[in-house]
Amino acid sequence: MAKLISKTYGDALFELAVEDGKVDVFMDEISELLTILKKEEELTKLMNHPKVLKEEKIQVIQNVFKGRISDEIVGFLTLIIQKERYSEAEAILEYFLDQVKEYKGIGVAYVKTAVALTEIQKKQVEERLLQTTKYRQMEMHFNVDKSLIGGMVIRIGDRVVDSSISTKIDELGRQLMKIQLG
């Protein structure tokens, strides 16, 4: 259900951005807004508190953000408060950013390796991903996971390429278990 809500509202916000020719403006503002929402826990508690009236929540949003971000984004936040969807605000805004990245041809890759990669190796992985995907640009996130033993796991969206040694050992173990001795 939450995924449907973030998709519905995120798609509406994305369509507005494209129609108004403000994709880049909205992307920048929403990136900053997400940072604020994640950092300011008191604001989130206030906005999600059931005893605070909708009108008071809307007034808080108007006071905090009016003049600092575009009127469309303030209006959007007002709308999700009115529809009692503020608890989904972060998911909606993150979905919007994902849509913008896809629209602009920016892929987001999460790369796990057993050991830290050098800058040259990171650049080589990025270049290879640009060659083998439809993306014109990559946003790279590198992570070290010693349990992989060796190799790497790359995730872009819902696609995963797992060339880790630990996975190969697991696969080998499963194949050996299928062999009947006798």
N, C-alpha and C. Protein backbone atom coordinates (compact mmCIF):
# COMPACT_ATOMS: atom_id res chain seq x y z
N MET A 1 0.83 -1.20 0.00
CA MET A 1 0.00 0.00 0.00
C MET A 1 0.87 1.26 0.00
N ALA A 2 1.89 1.29 0.87
CA ALA A 2 2.75 2.47 0.95
C ALA A 2 3.46 2.72 -0.38
N LYS A 3 3.85 1.63 -1.05
CA LYS A 3 4.53 1.77 -2.34
C LYS A 3 3.59 2.37 -3.37
N LEU A 4 2.33 1.98 -3.34
CA LEU A 4 1.33 2.52 -4.25
C LEU A 4 1.12 4.01 -4.00
N ILE A 5 1.09 4.39 -2.74
CA ILE A 5 0.91 5.80 -2.38
C ILE A 5 2.09 6.62 -2.88
N SER A 6 3.31 6.15 -2.62
CA SER A 6 4.48 6.92 -3.06
C SER A 6 4.53 6.99 -4.58
N LYS A 7 4.12 5.94 -5.27
CA LYS A 7 4.11 5.94 -6.74
C LYS A 7 3.07 6.92 -7.26
N THR A 8 1.87 6.86 -6.73
CA THR A 8 0.79 7.73 -7.20
C THR A 8 1.14 9.21 -7.02
N TYR A 9 1.53 9.59 -5.83
CA TYR A 9 1.87 10.99 -5.56
C TYR A 9 3.19 11.39 -6.23
N GLY A 10 4.16 10.48 -6.23
CA GLY A 10 5.44 10.77 -6.86
C GLY A 10 5.30 10.97 -8.36
N ASP A 11 4.46 10.14 -9.01
CA ASP A 11 4.20 10.30 -10.44
C ASP A 11 3.52 11.63 -10.73
N ALA A 12 2.56 12.01 -9.90
CA ALA A 12 1.86 13.28 -10.09
C ALA A 12 2.84 14.45 -9.98
N LEU A 13 3.71 14.41 -9.00
CA LEU A 13 4.70 15.47 -8.82
C LEU A 13 5.68 15.49 -10.00
N PHE A 14 6.07 14.33 -10.48
CA PHE A 14 6.98 14.24 -11.62
C PHE A 14 6.33 14.83 -12.87
N GLU A 15 5.06 14.48 -13.12
CA GLU A 15 4.34 15.01 -14.28
C GLU A 15 4.26 16.53 -14.21
N LEU A 16 4.02 17.07 -13.03
CA LEU A 16 3.97 18.52 -12.85
C LEU A 16 5.33 19.14 -13.18
N ALA A 17 6.40 18.51 -12.72
CA ALA A 17 7.75 19.02 -12.98
C ALA A 17 8.04 19.04 -14.48
N VAL A 18 7.67 17.98 -15.18
CA VAL A 18 7.92 17.91 -16.62
C VAL A 18 7.07 18.94 -17.37
N GLU A 19 5.78 19.00 -17.02
CA GLU A 19 4.87 19.95 -17.68
C GLU A 19 5.33 21.39 -17.51
N ASP A 20 5.80 21.74 -16.32
CA ASP A 20 6.22 23.11 -16.04
C ASP A 20 7.66 23.38 -16.44
N GLY A 21 8.37 22.34 -16.90
CA GLY A 21 9.77 22.51 -17.28
C GLY A 21 10.67 22.81 -16.09
N LYS A 22 10.31 22.24 -14.94
CA LYS A 22 11.05 22.51 -13.70
C LYS A 22 11.67 21.25 -13.10
N VAL A 23 12.04 20.30 -13.94
CA VAL A 23 12.58 19.04 -13.44
C VAL A 23 13.82 19.29 -12.59
N ASP A 24 14.75 20.09 -13.11
CA ASP A 24 16.00 20.35 -12.37
C ASP A 24 15.74 21.14 -11.09
N VAL A 25 14.86 22.13 -11.16
CA VAL A 25 14.54 22.94 -9.98
C VAL A 25 13.92 22.07 -8.90
N PHE A 26 12.92 21.28 -9.28
CA PHE A 26 12.26 20.40 -8.31
C PHE A 26 13.24 19.38 -7.75
N MET A 27 14.11 18.85 -8.60
CA MET A 27 15.08 17.85 -8.14
C MET A 27 15.98 18.44 -7.06
N ASP A 28 16.50 19.63 -7.29
CA ASP A 28 17.37 20.28 -6.30
C ASP A 28 16.61 20.58 -5.01
N GLU A 29 15.42 21.15 -5.15
CA GLU A 29 14.64 21.51 -3.96
C GLU A 29 14.23 20.28 -3.16
N ILE A 30 13.83 19.24 -3.84
CA ILE A 30 13.37 18.04 -3.14
C ILE A 30 14.55 17.31 -2.50
N SER A 31 15.70 17.35 -3.12
CA SER A 31 16.90 16.76 -2.50
C SER A 31 17.19 17.46 -1.17
N GLU A 32 17.15 18.78 -1.19
CA GLU A 32 17.39 19.54 0.05
C GLU A 32 16.28 19.31 1.06
N LEU A 33 15.04 19.27 0.58
CA LEU A 33 13.89 19.04 1.46
C LEU A 33 14.00 17.69 2.15
N LEU A 34 14.40 16.66 1.41
CA LEU A 34 14.57 15.33 2.00
C LEU A 34 15.64 15.34 3.09
N THR A 35 16.73 16.05 2.83
CA THR A 35 17.80 16.17 3.83
C THR A 35 17.25 16.79 5.11
N ILE A 36 16.46 17.84 4.95
CA ILE A 36 15.87 18.52 6.11
C ILE A 36 14.91 17.59 6.85
N LEU A 37 14.04 16.93 6.11
CA LEU A 37 13.04 16.05 6.75
C LEU A 37 13.71 14.91 7.52
N LYS A 38 14.81 14.38 6.97
CA LYS A 38 15.50 13.29 7.66
C LYS A 38 16.26 13.78 8.88
N LYS A 39 16.75 15.01 8.82
CA LYS A 39 17.55 15.55 9.91
C LYS A 39 16.69 16.12 11.04
N GLU A 40 15.59 16.73 10.69
CA GLU A 40 14.74 17.40 11.69
C GLU A 40 13.65 16.46 12.20
N GLU A 41 14.01 15.64 13.18
CA GLU A 41 13.08 14.65 13.72
C GLU A 41 11.89 15.30 14.42
N GLU A 42 12.12 16.46 15.02
CA GLU A 42 11.03 17.15 15.73
C GLU A 42 9.93 17.58 14.75
N LEU A 43 10.34 18.04 13.57
CA LEU A 43 9.35 18.42 12.55
C LEU A 43 8.54 17.19 12.14
N THR A 44 9.20 16.08 11.94
CA THR A 44 8.51 14.85 11.55
C THR A 44 7.54 14.40 12.64
N LYS A 45 7.98 14.47 13.90
CA LYS A 45 7.09 14.09 15.01
C LYS A 45 5.86 15.00 15.05
N LEU A 46 6.07 16.29 14.88
CA LEU A 46 4.97 17.25 14.90
C LEU A 46 4.00 16.97 13.75
N MET A 47 4.54 16.77 12.57
CA MET A 47 3.69 16.59 11.39
C MET A 47 2.93 15.26 11.41
N ASN A 48 3.44 14.28 12.12
CA ASN A 48 2.77 12.98 12.20
C ASN A 48 1.94 12.82 13.47
N HIS A 49 1.96 13.82 14.34
CA HIS A 49 1.22 13.72 15.61
C HIS A 49 -0.29 13.79 15.33
N PRO A 50 -1.04 12.81 15.84
CA PRO A 50 -2.47 12.76 15.54
C PRO A 50 -3.30 13.88 16.19
N LYS A 51 -2.80 14.50 17.24
CA LYS A 51 -3.59 15.54 17.92
C LYS A 51 -3.36 16.94 17.35
N VAL A 52 -2.38 17.06 16.45
CA VAL A 52 -2.15 18.35 15.81
C VAL A 52 -3.08 18.43 14.59
N LEU A 53 -3.87 19.49 14.53
CA LEU A 53 -4.85 19.65 13.46
C LEU A 53 -4.16 19.86 12.11
N LYS A 54 -4.86 19.43 11.04
CA LYS A 54 -4.32 19.60 9.68
C LYS A 54 -3.98 21.06 9.40
N GLU A 55 -4.87 21.95 9.82
CA GLU A 55 -4.67 23.38 9.56
C GLU A 55 -3.37 23.88 10.22
N GLU A 56 -3.09 23.38 11.42
CA GLU A 56 -1.87 23.77 12.12
C GLU A 56 -0.64 23.21 11.39
N LYS A 57 -0.73 21.98 10.90
CA LYS A 57 0.37 21.38 10.16
C LYS A 57 0.64 22.17 8.88
N ILE A 58 -0.43 22.53 8.19
CA ILE A 58 -0.29 23.32 6.96
C ILE A 58 0.36 24.66 7.27
N GLN A 59 -0.04 25.27 8.37
CA GLN A 59 0.55 26.55 8.77
C GLN A 59 2.05 26.40 9.04
N VAL A 60 2.44 25.31 9.69
CA VAL A 60 3.86 25.05 9.96
C VAL A 60 4.63 24.95 8.64
N ILE A 61 4.10 24.18 7.69
CA ILE A 61 4.75 24.02 6.38
C ILE A 61 4.87 25.37 5.69
N GLN A 62 3.78 26.16 5.73
CA GLN A 62 3.81 27.49 5.10
C GLN A 62 4.88 28.37 5.74
N ASN A 63 4.92 28.37 7.08
CA ASN A 63 5.89 29.22 7.79
C ASN A 63 7.33 28.79 7.54
N VAL A 64 7.56 27.49 7.50
CA VAL A 64 8.93 26.99 7.36
C VAL A 64 9.43 27.08 5.93
N PHE A 65 8.59 26.75 4.96
CA PHE A 65 9.10 26.58 3.60
C PHE A 65 8.69 27.66 2.59
N LYS A 66 7.63 28.40 2.85
CA LYS A 66 7.17 29.42 1.89
C LYS A 66 8.28 30.43 1.64
N GLY A 67 8.60 30.65 0.38
CA GLY A 67 9.65 31.59 0.01
C GLY A 67 11.03 30.95 -0.06
N ARG A 68 11.17 29.76 0.51
CA ARG A 68 12.46 29.06 0.48
C ARG A 68 12.50 28.00 -0.62
N ILE A 69 11.33 27.42 -0.90
CA ILE A 69 11.21 26.47 -2.00
C ILE A 69 10.02 26.91 -2.87
N SER A 70 9.92 26.35 -4.05
CA SER A 70 8.88 26.78 -4.99
C SER A 70 7.48 26.56 -4.42
N ASP A 71 6.57 27.40 -4.88
CA ASP A 71 5.18 27.33 -4.43
C ASP A 71 4.55 25.97 -4.75
N GLU A 72 4.98 25.37 -5.87
CA GLU A 72 4.43 24.06 -6.25
C GLU A 72 4.77 23.00 -5.21
N ILE A 73 5.99 23.03 -4.70
CA ILE A 73 6.40 22.03 -3.70
C ILE A 73 5.68 22.29 -2.38
N VAL A 74 5.56 23.56 -1.99
CA VAL A 74 4.80 23.90 -0.78
C VAL A 74 3.36 23.44 -0.94
N GLY A 75 2.79 23.68 -2.11
CA GLY A 75 1.42 23.24 -2.39
C GLY A 75 1.29 21.73 -2.34
N PHE A 76 2.31 21.05 -2.83
CA PHE A 76 2.30 19.59 -2.80
C PHE A 76 2.33 19.08 -1.36
N LEU A 77 3.19 19.68 -0.54
CA LEU A 77 3.25 19.28 0.87
C LEU A 77 1.91 19.54 1.55
N THR A 78 1.28 20.66 1.22
CA THR A 78 -0.04 20.98 1.76
C THR A 78 -1.04 19.91 1.35
N LEU A 79 -1.00 19.50 0.10
CA LEU A 79 -1.92 18.49 -0.41
C LEU A 79 -1.76 17.17 0.35
N ILE A 80 -0.52 16.73 0.55
CA ILE A 80 -0.36 15.44 1.24
C ILE A 80 -0.76 15.52 2.71
N ILE A 81 -0.68 16.72 3.29
CA ILE A 81 -1.19 16.88 4.65
C ILE A 81 -2.72 16.78 4.64
N GLN A 82 -3.35 17.46 3.69
CA GLN A 82 -4.81 17.42 3.60
C GLN A 82 -5.33 16.01 3.36
N LYS A 83 -4.58 15.24 2.59
CA LYS A 83 -4.99 13.86 2.27
C LYS A 83 -4.49 12.86 3.32
N GLU A 84 -3.89 13.38 4.40
CA GLU A 84 -3.36 12.56 5.50
C GLU A 84 -2.33 11.55 5.01
N ARG A 85 -1.42 12.02 4.16
CA ARG A 85 -0.36 11.17 3.61
C ARG A 85 1.03 11.68 3.99
N TYR A 86 1.10 12.58 4.96
CA TYR A 86 2.40 13.15 5.31
C TYR A 86 3.37 12.08 5.80
N SER A 87 2.86 11.04 6.43
CA SER A 87 3.75 9.98 6.92
C SER A 87 4.50 9.30 5.77
N GLU A 88 4.00 9.46 4.56
CA GLU A 88 4.63 8.89 3.37
C GLU A 88 5.48 9.91 2.61
N ALA A 89 5.64 11.11 3.16
CA ALA A 89 6.33 12.20 2.45
C ALA A 89 7.72 11.80 1.96
N GLU A 90 8.53 11.22 2.83
CA GLU A 90 9.89 10.85 2.43
C GLU A 90 9.87 9.83 1.29
N ALA A 91 9.01 8.83 1.39
CA ALA A 91 8.93 7.80 0.34
C ALA A 91 8.46 8.42 -0.98
N ILE A 92 7.51 9.34 -0.91
CA ILE A 92 7.02 10.01 -2.12
C ILE A 92 8.14 10.82 -2.77
N LEU A 93 8.85 11.58 -1.96
CA LEU A 93 9.92 12.44 -2.49
C LEU A 93 11.07 11.61 -3.03
N GLU A 94 11.40 10.50 -2.38
CA GLU A 94 12.46 9.61 -2.88
C GLU A 94 12.03 8.96 -4.19
N TYR A 95 10.77 8.57 -4.29
CA TYR A 95 10.26 8.01 -5.54
C TYR A 95 10.37 9.06 -6.65
N PHE A 96 10.00 10.28 -6.35
CA PHE A 96 10.12 11.37 -7.33
C PHE A 96 11.57 11.49 -7.83
N LEU A 97 12.52 11.50 -6.90
CA LEU A 97 13.93 11.63 -7.29
C LEU A 97 14.36 10.45 -8.17
N ASP A 98 13.88 9.25 -7.86
CA ASP A 98 14.18 8.08 -8.69
C ASP A 98 13.64 8.27 -10.11
N GLN A 99 12.43 8.81 -10.21
CA GLN A 99 11.83 9.07 -11.52
C GLN A 99 12.64 10.10 -12.31
N VAL A 100 13.09 11.14 -11.64
CA VAL A 100 13.88 12.18 -12.30
C VAL A 100 15.20 11.60 -12.80
N LYS A 101 15.84 10.79 -11.98
CA LYS A 101 17.11 10.18 -12.39
C LYS A 101 16.91 9.30 -13.61
N GLU A 102 15.85 8.53 -13.60
CA GLU A 102 15.55 7.67 -14.75
C GLU A 102 15.29 8.53 -16.00
N TYR A 103 14.54 9.58 -15.84
CA TYR A 103 14.21 10.52 -16.92
C TYR A 103 15.46 11.16 -17.51
N LYS A 104 16.42 11.47 -16.65
CA LYS A 104 17.65 12.14 -17.08
C LYS A 104 18.75 11.15 -17.49
N GLY A 105 18.46 9.85 -17.41
CA GLY A 105 19.43 8.84 -17.82
C GLY A 105 20.54 8.63 -16.80
N ILE A 106 20.20 8.82 -15.52
CA ILE A 106 21.18 8.63 -14.44
C ILE A 106 20.85 7.32 -13.74
N GLY A 107 21.79 6.39 -13.78
CA GLY A 107 21.61 5.12 -13.10
C GLY A 107 22.20 5.20 -11.69
N VAL A 108 21.62 4.48 -10.78
CA VAL A 108 22.13 4.44 -9.41
C VAL A 108 22.61 3.01 -9.15
N ALA A 109 23.92 2.89 -8.93
CA ALA A 109 24.51 1.56 -8.74
C ALA A 109 25.06 1.42 -7.33
N TYR A 110 24.76 0.27 -6.72
CA TYR A 110 25.29 -0.07 -5.40
C TYR A 110 26.24 -1.24 -5.61
N VAL A 111 27.51 -1.01 -5.31
CA VAL A 111 28.55 -2.00 -5.56
C VAL A 111 29.14 -2.45 -4.23
N LYS A 112 29.06 -3.76 -3.96
CA LYS A 112 29.68 -4.34 -2.76
C LYS A 112 30.87 -5.16 -3.19
N THR A 113 31.98 -4.97 -2.52
CA THR A 113 33.19 -5.74 -2.78
C THR A 113 33.75 -6.24 -1.45
N ALA A 114 34.60 -7.27 -1.54
CA ALA A 114 35.20 -7.84 -0.33
C ALA A 114 36.28 -6.93 0.24
N VAL A 115 36.93 -6.17 -0.63
CA VAL A 115 37.97 -5.22 -0.20
C VAL A 115 37.69 -3.88 -0.85
N ALA A 116 38.22 -2.82 -0.25
CA ALA A 116 38.01 -1.48 -0.80
C ALA A 116 38.68 -1.37 -2.17
N LEU A 117 37.99 -0.72 -3.09
CA LEU A 117 38.53 -0.51 -4.43
C LEU A 117 39.32 0.79 -4.48
N THR A 118 40.32 0.83 -5.34
CA THR A 118 41.05 2.08 -5.56
C THR A 118 40.18 3.00 -6.41
N GLU A 119 40.57 4.25 -6.50
CA GLU A 119 39.81 5.19 -7.32
C GLU A 119 39.81 4.76 -8.78
N ILE A 120 40.91 4.23 -9.24
CA ILE A 120 41.01 3.77 -10.63
C ILE A 120 40.04 2.60 -10.86
N GLN A 121 40.00 1.66 -9.91
CA GLN A 121 39.09 0.52 -10.03
C GLN A 121 37.63 0.98 -10.00
N LYS A 122 37.33 1.94 -9.14
CA LYS A 122 35.97 2.48 -9.08
C LYS A 122 35.58 3.10 -10.42
N LYS A 123 36.50 3.85 -11.00
CA LYS A 123 36.24 4.49 -12.29
C LYS A 123 36.04 3.43 -13.37
N GLN A 124 36.82 2.34 -13.32
CA GLN A 124 36.68 1.27 -14.30
C GLN A 124 35.31 0.59 -14.18
N VAL A 125 34.85 0.37 -12.95
CA VAL A 125 33.53 -0.24 -12.74
C VAL A 125 32.46 0.69 -13.30
N GLU A 126 32.57 1.97 -13.00
CA GLU A 126 31.59 2.95 -13.49
C GLU A 126 31.57 2.98 -15.02
N GLU A 127 32.75 3.01 -15.64
CA GLU A 127 32.82 3.05 -17.10
C GLU A 127 32.21 1.79 -17.72
N ARG A 128 32.47 0.63 -17.10
CA ARG A 128 31.91 -0.61 -17.61
C ARG A 128 30.38 -0.61 -17.50
N LEU A 129 29.86 -0.08 -16.40
CA LEU A 129 28.41 0.00 -16.24
C LEU A 129 27.80 0.94 -17.27
N LEU A 130 28.47 2.04 -17.57
CA LEU A 130 27.97 2.97 -18.59
C LEU A 130 27.94 2.30 -19.97
N GLN A 131 28.92 1.44 -20.23
CA GLN A 131 28.98 0.74 -21.51
C GLN A 131 27.89 -0.33 -21.64
N THR A 132 27.52 -0.94 -20.53
CA THR A 132 26.62 -2.10 -20.59
C THR A 132 25.18 -1.79 -20.17
N THR A 133 24.89 -0.53 -19.87
CA THR A 133 23.52 -0.15 -19.51
C THR A 133 23.05 0.98 -20.42
N LYS A 134 21.81 1.34 -20.27
CA LYS A 134 21.23 2.42 -21.08
C LYS A 134 21.55 3.81 -20.50
N TYR A 135 22.19 3.86 -19.35
CA TYR A 135 22.40 5.13 -18.66
C TYR A 135 23.53 5.95 -19.26
N ARG A 136 23.37 7.28 -19.20
CA ARG A 136 24.39 8.21 -19.69
C ARG A 136 25.31 8.65 -18.57
N GLN A 137 24.86 8.43 -17.34
CA GLN A 137 25.62 8.86 -16.16
C GLN A 137 25.30 7.89 -15.03
N MET A 138 26.26 7.68 -14.14
CA MET A 138 26.03 6.77 -13.02
C MET A 138 26.25 7.48 -11.70
N GLU A 139 25.41 7.18 -10.75
CA GLU A 139 25.59 7.61 -9.36
C GLU A 139 26.06 6.36 -8.63
N MET A 140 27.30 6.37 -8.22
CA MET A 140 27.93 5.16 -7.68
C MET A 140 27.96 5.18 -6.14
N HIS A 141 27.63 4.03 -5.55
CA HIS A 141 27.70 3.84 -4.10
C HIS A 141 28.51 2.57 -3.85
N PHE A 142 29.69 2.74 -3.28
CA PHE A 142 30.57 1.59 -3.03
C PHE A 142 30.53 1.22 -1.55
N ASN A 143 30.57 -0.10 -1.30
CA ASN A 143 30.50 -0.63 0.06
C ASN A 143 31.43 -1.83 0.17
N VAL A 144 32.03 -2.03 1.32
CA VAL A 144 32.88 -3.20 1.55
C VAL A 144 32.11 -4.20 2.41
N ASP A 145 32.09 -5.45 1.96
CA ASP A 145 31.44 -6.54 2.70
C ASP A 145 32.39 -7.74 2.66
N LYS A 146 33.13 -7.92 3.74
CA LYS A 146 34.17 -8.97 3.80
C LYS A 146 33.58 -10.38 3.63
N SER A 147 32.30 -10.54 3.91
CA SER A 147 31.70 -11.87 3.78
C SER A 147 31.62 -12.34 2.33
N LEU A 148 31.85 -11.46 1.38
CA LEU A 148 31.82 -11.85 -0.03
C LEU A 148 33.04 -12.68 -0.42
N ILE A 149 34.10 -12.62 0.38
CA ILE A 149 35.37 -13.31 0.19
C ILE A 149 36.15 -12.69 -0.97
N GLY A 150 35.51 -12.51 -2.11
CA GLY A 150 36.12 -11.91 -3.29
C GLY A 150 35.03 -11.60 -4.29
N GLY A 151 35.38 -10.93 -5.39
CA GLY A 151 34.39 -10.59 -6.40
C GLY A 151 33.57 -9.39 -5.97
N MET A 152 32.41 -9.23 -6.62
CA MET A 152 31.55 -8.10 -6.28
C MET A 152 30.09 -8.40 -6.57
N VAL A 153 29.24 -7.61 -5.94
CA VAL A 153 27.80 -7.66 -6.17
C VAL A 153 27.39 -6.25 -6.59
N ILE A 154 26.72 -6.15 -7.74
CA ILE A 154 26.28 -4.86 -8.26
C ILE A 154 24.76 -4.88 -8.35
N ARG A 155 24.14 -3.84 -7.77
CA ARG A 155 22.68 -3.71 -7.85
C ARG A 155 22.34 -2.37 -8.49
N ILE A 156 21.56 -2.44 -9.56
CA ILE A 156 21.03 -1.24 -10.21
C ILE A 156 19.52 -1.45 -10.30
N GLY A 157 18.78 -0.69 -9.53
CA GLY A 157 17.33 -0.88 -9.50
C GLY A 157 17.01 -2.26 -8.95
N ASP A 158 16.24 -3.03 -9.71
CA ASP A 158 15.89 -4.38 -9.25
C ASP A 158 16.75 -5.45 -9.91
N ARG A 159 17.81 -5.03 -10.61
CA ARG A 159 18.72 -5.98 -11.23
C ARG A 159 19.96 -6.16 -10.36
N VAL A 160 20.38 -7.42 -10.21
CA VAL A 160 21.55 -7.72 -9.39
C VAL A 160 22.48 -8.64 -10.18
N VAL A 161 23.75 -8.27 -10.20
CA VAL A 161 24.78 -9.12 -10.78
C VAL A 161 25.68 -9.52 -9.62
N ASP A 162 25.71 -10.82 -9.33
CA ASP A 162 26.47 -11.32 -8.19
C ASP A 162 27.60 -12.22 -8.68
N SER A 163 28.82 -11.70 -8.64
CA SER A 163 29.98 -12.50 -9.04
C SER A 163 30.89 -12.74 -7.83
N SER A 164 30.28 -12.75 -6.66
CA SER A 164 31.07 -12.93 -5.44
C SER A 164 31.46 -14.39 -5.26
N ILE A 165 32.57 -14.60 -4.63
CA ILE A 165 33.06 -15.96 -4.38
C ILE A 165 32.14 -16.69 -3.40
N SER A 166 31.61 -15.96 -2.41
CA SER A 166 30.71 -16.62 -1.44
C SER A 166 29.48 -17.18 -2.14
N THR A 167 28.93 -16.48 -3.13
CA THR A 167 27.78 -16.98 -3.87
C THR A 167 28.17 -18.20 -4.70
N LYS A 168 29.35 -18.15 -5.32
CA LYS A 168 29.81 -19.29 -6.12
C LYS A 168 30.02 -20.53 -5.25
N ILE A 169 30.53 -20.32 -4.04
CA ILE A 169 30.70 -21.45 -3.11
C ILE A 169 29.34 -22.01 -2.72
N ASP A 170 28.38 -21.13 -2.44
CA ASP A 170 27.02 -21.58 -2.10
C ASP A 170 26.42 -22.39 -3.25
N GLU A 171 26.58 -21.91 -4.49
CA GLU A 171 26.04 -22.62 -5.65
C GLU A 171 26.71 -23.98 -5.80
N LEU A 172 28.01 -24.03 -5.61
CA LEU A 172 28.74 -25.29 -5.70
C LEU A 172 28.24 -26.27 -4.63
N GLY A 173 28.01 -25.78 -3.43
CA GLY A 173 27.49 -26.61 -2.35
C GLY A 173 26.13 -27.18 -2.69
N ARG A 174 25.25 -26.35 -3.29
CA ARG A 174 23.92 -26.83 -3.68
C ARG A 174 24.03 -27.91 -4.77
N GLN A 175 24.94 -27.70 -5.71
CA GLN A 175 25.12 -28.70 -6.77
C GLN A 175 25.66 -30.01 -6.20
N LEU A 176 26.57 -29.93 -5.25
CA LEU A 176 27.10 -31.14 -4.63
C LEU A 176 26.03 -31.88 -3.85
N MET A 177 25.13 -31.15 -3.24
CA MET A 177 24.05 -31.79 -2.47
C MET A 177 23.10 -32.56 -3.39
N LYS A 178 23.00 -32.14 -4.66
CA LYS A 178 22.11 -32.80 -5.60
C LYS A 178 22.70 -34.11 -6.13
N ILE A 179 24.01 -34.23 -6.05
CA ILE A 179 24.66 -35.45 -6.54
C ILE A 179 24.33 -36.59 -5.58
N GLN A 180 23.81 -37.63 -6.15
CA GLN A 180 23.49 -38.81 -5.33
C GLN A 180 24.68 -39.75 -5.34
N LEU A 181 25.09 -40.07 -4.16
CA LEU A 181 26.20 -41.00 -4.04
C LEU A 181 25.67 -42.43 -4.10
N GLY A 182 26.40 -43.27 -4.72
CA GLY A 182 25.92 -44.62 -4.67
C GLY A 182 26.35 -45.43 -5.73
